[in-house]
């Protein structure tokens, strides 16, 4: 896989086990791990919301890795709505990984070889050893320091991260501090909010104040602003539910 490709893994505290062999051969592709709240169909809901976010963000090719055929209806909807390229596969290897030859797939880059050597020398004990492959993947593929730090805190205690930075400073020193904020097509962004809203907020106060709520979400310049404006028209517990549901769409707001 190339640097223009991205792997995003959603996981919960109740299902943290990830087969690293499944994703180890991801080449130069960016690997991002997102922890989400545990709950009934939590992963499905977040992946569905994130699909809508990607559909409006850019003209990228999207592949959902899942055995769940329920995604097929969501895929059909977005294909019809925005004519995007999206499909579902059961395994990562069914996607572009197949295009790599065995020789290239089994030969690490010089950068990867250096990182693995240093890791073996400096971090062969807990808590690093147990998370070796995930940490190496982040060091190889993170696009900015903020994202790297955020993803590392999901793997090891924050107090253990500075030691990694000290050893691997030459590999991360040229990373930008934060990822550049992507330009958002307001019409597509609103369509994403409306699609998700129609699925998860059909009754009561959510139905009564639908247009006002959607307007606040679409036009907010910051997450704090969205939260403050929603609190003016809804009880706090309702606001929390909305913010949680639309987190994938709001995450790029400061």
Protein backbone atom coordinates (compact mmCIF):
# COMPACT_ATOMS: atom_id res chain seq x y z
CA UNK A 1 0.00 0.00 0.00
CA UNK A 2 1.20 3.52 -0.77
CA UNK A 3 1.56 6.74 1.24
CA UNK A 4 -1.65 8.02 -0.36
CA UNK A 5 -3.64 5.22 1.29
CA UNK A 6 -4.90 5.12 4.88
CA UNK A 7 -5.97 2.36 7.27
CA UNK A 8 -8.35 3.39 10.07
CA UNK A 9 -9.15 0.87 12.81
CA UNK A 10 -12.06 1.39 15.21
CA UNK A 11 -11.82 -0.53 18.50
CA UNK A 12 -13.40 -0.57 21.98
CA UNK A 13 -12.14 -1.50 25.45
CA UNK A 14 -14.20 -4.70 25.15
CA UNK A 15 -12.60 -5.68 21.86
CA UNK A 16 -9.00 -4.50 21.84
CA UNK A 17 -7.53 -7.64 20.25
CA UNK A 18 -6.24 -6.86 16.77
CA UNK A 19 -4.45 -9.35 14.54
CA UNK A 20 -1.34 -7.36 13.65
CA UNK A 21 -0.45 -9.96 11.02
CA UNK A 22 -3.57 -8.81 9.19
CA UNK A 23 -2.32 -5.23 8.88
CA UNK A 24 1.46 -5.54 9.25
CA UNK A 25 2.04 -5.55 5.49
CA UNK A 26 0.53 -2.13 4.87
CA UNK A 27 3.58 -0.62 3.21
CA UNK A 28 3.71 3.18 3.37
CA UNK A 29 0.00 3.58 4.14
CA UNK A 30 -0.93 5.65 7.21
CA UNK A 31 -2.27 3.55 10.09
CA UNK A 32 -4.68 5.23 12.53
CA UNK A 33 -6.37 3.57 15.51
CA UNK A 34 -9.51 5.16 17.00
CA UNK A 35 -10.91 4.02 20.35
CA UNK A 36 -14.69 4.35 20.58
CA UNK A 37 -17.16 3.78 23.44
CA UNK A 38 -18.25 0.19 23.97
CA UNK A 39 -21.91 -0.48 23.30
CA UNK A 40 -24.44 -2.20 21.07
CA UNK A 41 -23.41 -1.74 17.44
CA UNK A 42 -20.96 0.99 18.50
CA UNK A 43 -18.43 0.11 15.82
CA UNK A 44 -21.11 -0.08 13.11
CA UNK A 45 -22.50 3.34 14.05
CA UNK A 46 -19.08 5.01 14.15
CA UNK A 47 -17.94 3.44 10.89
CA UNK A 48 -21.20 4.49 9.22
CA UNK A 49 -20.77 8.05 10.48
CA UNK A 50 -17.13 8.14 9.41
CA UNK A 51 -18.11 6.88 5.96
CA UNK A 52 -20.43 9.87 5.61
CA UNK A 53 -17.63 12.17 6.76
CA UNK A 54 -15.24 10.78 4.13
CA UNK A 55 -17.91 10.90 1.44
CA UNK A 56 -18.19 14.66 1.81
CA UNK A 57 -14.55 15.37 2.58
CA UNK A 58 -12.86 14.17 -0.59
CA UNK A 59 -13.11 12.00 -3.70
CA UNK A 60 -11.25 9.05 -2.24
CA UNK A 61 -11.69 5.33 -2.79
CA UNK A 62 -13.15 3.81 0.38
CA UNK A 63 -13.03 0.15 1.46
CA UNK A 64 -14.79 -1.11 4.61
CA UNK A 65 -13.16 -4.25 6.01
CA UNK A 66 -15.97 -6.21 7.66
CA UNK A 67 -18.01 -9.41 7.47
CA UNK A 68 -21.12 -7.42 8.37
CA UNK A 69 -23.44 -7.28 5.35
CA UNK A 70 -25.48 -4.50 7.01
CA UNK A 71 -22.90 -2.06 5.65
CA UNK A 72 -23.99 -2.92 2.11
CA UNK A 73 -27.16 -0.81 2.40
CA UNK A 74 -25.17 2.20 3.67
CA UNK A 75 -22.71 1.73 0.82
CA UNK A 76 -25.55 1.67 -1.73
CA UNK A 77 -26.96 4.89 -0.24
CA UNK A 78 -23.72 6.87 -0.56
CA UNK A 79 -22.98 5.50 -4.02
CA UNK A 80 -26.38 6.73 -5.15
CA UNK A 81 -26.24 10.03 -3.21
CA UNK A 82 -22.74 11.21 -4.16
CA UNK A 83 -21.48 8.63 -6.69
CA UNK A 84 -18.49 7.84 -4.49
CA UNK A 85 -16.20 4.84 -4.81
CA UNK A 86 -16.91 2.59 -1.80
CA UNK A 87 -17.06 -1.15 -1.27
CA UNK A 88 -16.90 -3.78 1.48
CA UNK A 89 -14.25 -6.48 1.75
CA UNK A 90 -13.88 -9.28 4.27
CA UNK A 91 -10.10 -8.98 4.56
CA UNK A 92 -7.50 -6.26 4.09
CA UNK A 93 -5.53 -8.57 1.80
CA UNK A 94 -8.41 -8.46 -0.69
CA UNK A 95 -7.61 -4.79 -1.38
CA UNK A 96 -4.50 -3.13 -2.78
CA UNK A 97 -2.14 -5.24 -0.65
CA UNK A 98 -2.55 -7.91 -3.33
CA UNK A 99 -0.72 -5.70 -5.81
CA UNK A 100 2.54 -5.95 -3.90
CA UNK A 101 4.98 -8.66 -4.90
CA UNK A 102 6.14 -11.11 -2.25
CA UNK A 103 9.69 -9.78 -2.50
CA UNK A 104 8.73 -6.20 -1.78
CA UNK A 105 6.25 -7.14 0.92
CA UNK A 106 8.84 -9.15 2.83
CA UNK A 107 11.64 -6.58 2.55
CA UNK A 108 11.40 -3.72 5.06
CA UNK A 109 12.46 -0.24 4.01
CA UNK A 110 15.71 1.17 5.37
CA UNK A 111 13.72 3.42 7.70
CA UNK A 112 11.66 0.52 9.01
CA UNK A 113 14.76 -1.63 9.48
CA UNK A 114 16.44 1.13 11.50
CA UNK A 115 13.35 1.66 13.67
CA UNK A 116 13.02 -2.08 14.31
CA UNK A 117 16.68 -2.35 15.26
CA UNK A 118 16.45 0.56 17.72
CA UNK A 119 13.20 -0.76 19.13
CA UNK A 120 14.74 -4.17 19.76
CA UNK A 121 17.71 -2.57 21.51
CA UNK A 122 15.87 -0.03 23.66
CA UNK A 123 12.30 -1.23 24.16
CA UNK A 124 12.26 -4.97 24.73
CA UNK A 125 10.33 -4.75 28.00
CA UNK A 126 6.86 -3.74 29.21
CA UNK A 127 4.89 -1.70 28.26
CA UNK A 128 6.59 -1.33 24.87
CA UNK A 129 7.23 -4.95 23.92
CA UNK A 130 3.56 -5.98 23.97
CA UNK A 131 2.65 -3.10 21.61
CA UNK A 132 5.74 -3.35 19.38
CA UNK A 133 4.06 -3.73 15.97
CA UNK A 134 1.43 -1.06 16.61
CA UNK A 135 4.05 1.43 17.86
CA UNK A 136 6.36 0.79 14.91
CA UNK A 137 3.43 1.24 12.52
CA UNK A 138 2.69 4.63 14.09
CA UNK A 139 6.33 5.74 13.91
CA UNK A 140 6.41 4.82 10.23
CA UNK A 141 3.09 6.22 9.12
CA UNK A 142 1.97 9.11 11.33
CA UNK A 143 1.50 12.32 9.34
CA UNK A 144 1.95 14.78 12.22
CA UNK A 145 3.20 14.90 15.81
CA UNK A 146 -0.19 15.53 17.35
CA UNK A 147 -1.72 12.45 15.73
CA UNK A 148 1.32 10.37 16.69
CA UNK A 149 1.05 11.41 20.32
CA UNK A 150 -2.71 10.85 20.41
CA UNK A 151 -2.43 7.33 19.01
CA UNK A 152 0.50 6.40 21.27
CA UNK A 153 -1.50 7.35 24.38
CA UNK A 154 -4.03 4.70 23.36
CA UNK A 155 -1.30 2.06 23.44
CA UNK A 156 0.97 2.93 26.37
CA UNK A 157 0.91 5.25 29.43
CA UNK A 158 1.67 8.89 28.66
CA UNK A 159 4.63 8.81 31.04
CA UNK A 160 6.35 6.23 28.82
CA UNK A 161 6.01 8.18 25.56
CA UNK A 162 8.91 10.69 26.05
CA UNK A 163 11.40 7.81 26.04
CA UNK A 164 10.18 6.85 22.56
CA UNK A 165 10.51 10.41 21.31
CA UNK A 166 14.07 10.65 22.63
CA UNK A 167 15.23 7.50 20.86
CA UNK A 168 13.32 8.07 17.60
CA UNK A 169 13.70 11.88 17.40
CA UNK A 170 15.53 11.68 14.05
CA UNK A 171 12.56 9.88 12.51
CA UNK A 172 9.87 12.27 13.74
CA UNK A 173 11.63 15.66 13.87
CA UNK A 174 10.38 16.68 10.41
CA UNK A 175 6.73 15.86 11.09
CA UNK A 176 4.47 18.94 11.25
CA UNK A 177 3.05 19.70 14.69
CA UNK A 178 -0.56 19.26 13.55
CA UNK A 179 -2.35 18.04 10.46
CA UNK A 180 -3.49 20.72 8.07
CA UNK A 181 -7.22 21.36 8.42
CA UNK A 182 -8.98 19.99 5.34
CA UNK A 183 -11.33 22.18 3.33
CA UNK A 184 -14.93 21.15 3.83
CA UNK A 185 -17.70 21.28 1.24
CA UNK A 186 -20.54 22.71 3.36
CA UNK A 187 -23.28 21.16 1.21
CA UNK A 188 -21.77 17.67 1.40
CA UNK A 189 -21.02 18.14 5.10
CA UNK A 190 -24.65 19.08 5.76
CA UNK A 191 -25.79 16.03 3.78
CA UNK A 192 -23.69 13.83 6.06
CA UNK A 193 -25.23 15.36 9.18
CA UNK A 194 -28.75 14.97 7.79
CA UNK A 195 -28.17 11.35 6.81
CA UNK A 196 -26.84 10.35 10.24
CA UNK A 197 -29.41 12.49 12.05
CA UNK A 198 -32.27 10.79 10.23
CA UNK A 199 -30.97 7.39 11.30
CA UNK A 200 -30.33 8.01 15.00
CA UNK A 201 -32.48 10.97 16.15
CA UNK A 202 -36.05 10.34 15.01
CA UNK A 203 -38.16 11.07 18.10
CA UNK A 204 -39.03 13.59 20.80
CA UNK A 205 -37.02 16.77 21.22
CA UNK A 206 -34.59 15.65 18.53
CA UNK A 207 -37.37 15.59 15.93
CA UNK A 208 -38.91 18.87 17.16
CA UNK A 209 -35.64 20.81 16.95
CA UNK A 210 -34.09 18.93 14.04
CA UNK A 211 -33.39 21.92 11.76
CA UNK A 212 -32.00 24.10 14.54
CA UNK A 213 -29.70 21.32 15.75
CA UNK A 214 -28.42 20.54 12.26
CA UNK A 215 -27.81 24.24 11.61
CA UNK A 216 -25.72 24.52 14.78
CA UNK A 217 -23.66 21.45 13.91
CA UNK A 218 -23.02 22.52 10.31
CA UNK A 219 -22.11 26.14 11.09
CA UNK A 220 -20.09 25.75 14.31
CA UNK A 221 -16.48 26.91 14.03
CA UNK A 222 -15.33 24.97 17.09
CA UNK A 223 -16.54 21.94 19.05
CA UNK A 224 -16.97 24.16 22.10
CA UNK A 225 -19.20 26.51 20.12
CA UNK A 226 -21.35 23.59 18.94
CA UNK A 227 -21.65 22.33 22.51
CA UNK A 228 -22.54 25.78 23.90
CA UNK A 229 -25.19 26.50 21.27
CA UNK A 230 -26.79 23.07 21.66
CA UNK A 231 -26.94 23.54 25.45
CA UNK A 232 -29.12 26.62 24.88
CA UNK A 233 -31.89 24.52 23.32
CA UNK A 234 -31.39 21.03 24.77
CA UNK A 235 -30.75 19.39 28.16
CA UNK A 236 -27.07 18.54 28.68
CA UNK A 237 -27.65 14.77 28.48
CA UNK A 238 -29.21 15.20 25.03
CA UNK A 239 -26.30 17.38 23.92
CA UNK A 240 -23.81 14.75 25.06
CA UNK A 241 -25.58 12.11 23.00
CA UNK A 242 -25.49 14.30 19.88
CA UNK A 243 -21.82 15.26 20.29
CA UNK A 244 -20.89 11.61 20.84
CA UNK A 245 -22.80 10.45 17.77
CA UNK A 246 -21.34 13.10 15.47
CA UNK A 247 -17.79 12.96 16.83
CA UNK A 248 -16.38 11.61 13.51
CA UNK A 249 -17.85 14.65 11.70
CA UNK A 250 -16.79 17.18 14.34
CA UNK A 251 -13.30 15.87 15.06
CA UNK A 252 -11.53 18.28 12.69
CA UNK A 253 -12.99 21.32 14.43
CA UNK A 254 -10.59 23.01 16.90
